[in-house]
Amino acid sequence: MTKRKRKILHVIAALEGGGAERQLPILANNTDPDRYHVSIIFLHKGTGQYIFNNAIDMLQIPRGRKWNIPSLWFRIYKAVKAYQPDILQLWMPEIITIPAAFAGKSSGTYIISAARRSMRSVNSIKLRLRDLASYIQHIMADRIVANFNPDMEPFFFRRLFSKKGLVIYNAITVCQDKTPSNADMPVKAQNSFLIWYTGRIAPQKRLDILLDSFIALRKDGLDVSLAICGEGSPDLTKHLKQKLQQAGMHEHVSFLGYRKDWHIPARQANLFVLPSTAEGMPNVLFEAMLLGLPCIATDIPVINNLLEHKENVWLVEAGSQSSLSDGIRQMCHSAPLRREIARKGQLYAGTFSIERMSQAYETLYKQAY
């Protein structure tokens, strides 16, 4: 008698974007097809090409009007109820995962709720409201999965996590193509020291501090250029470009927009910088390490729990322009320091493998039955 495959339903808003959107296809494509039938409910496909196994079912739900949330929630609720999954895995954001959680709870489905970002040091009202909303699905879930150490998170989250939490770190992969075309090349003078940033353009990423540091370093005579790869808030993007224009530095900075293949042009960079004040497990940082780039990141719990200052990364004080400027200056002036940090960082990032993540989820899925 053939054993019935368990049905796993992933719920996520978009197939294109940050860390969660990149981790989902890695996990879905590496879930045992003999044990599980995998499906995905999503709202937005995006403009990129997404490679999912043919056996994975994809269900796109029309977003509808922006403020007609009850109608959207009803469609998501009905879709989850109709699918009747054995395992419901909730990714982000809450506008789609909360109604899915209610549907799963009412059906007795085993629910896995993802915590993808630290709730500490969030300087955005919108994100704080999202953090509060996420407790709804965490409470209904059977297990909470974080991709970072939650020891410094708010008290209520830590209480929930102590009862049903599990840490599963992301799988880190990079594009192996090493030959960028001319269209891939950001603005860079022949001997300029190229600093690279990849990530969303959002308040908690503190690109304002990165630009302030960049401007100060150039005024001090340091020949640096900067590539910003990512998209996000149009207002913030406009503000950042105006800051550069007013300082007369716009010709030394490239805004590349969203690039799924950012690993290709980033290989020409001399340094990767992540100035965030709030992160989960920052995929882009570990991807930059795996590329062999020396990295600067902020000394926040989710990063310093995994990395060691001056060993495999250079840590700077979060929110401090002077600390970031000093770190960039140190790296710029010392090629041996860059080589050593890059070497150790690449070795460490290589331990976050697809096999390691897939096996951890396989063990978790078995707890559902």
Foldseek 3Di string as FASTA:
>chain_A
DQDDAAEEEEEDAECDAFDLNVQVQLQQQPAPPSRYQYEYEYAYHDDDDDDHDPSYHYHHDHPPDPPPLVVVLVVLLVVLLVVLGQEYEYDDDLSRRLSNLVSCLVSVHAYEYEDFKAPPPDPDPVVVVRVVSSVNSLVSHQAYEFQFDCPPGDPVVVVSCVVHYDYFHGAADADPDADDDPVLAFQDDPPAQEEEEEHELDVQQPVVLVLVLVLVCVVVPHRHAYEYEEYYDPVSVVVSCVVCVVSVNNSRYHDHYHDPNNLHNCLVHAEYEGQGPMGGQRNVQLNCLLSLWAYEYEPDRRPVVQDDDLQQHPYFHRPDSVRVSVVVVVSVVDPVSGNRNSVRSSVSSNVSHSVRNNVVVVVVVVVSD
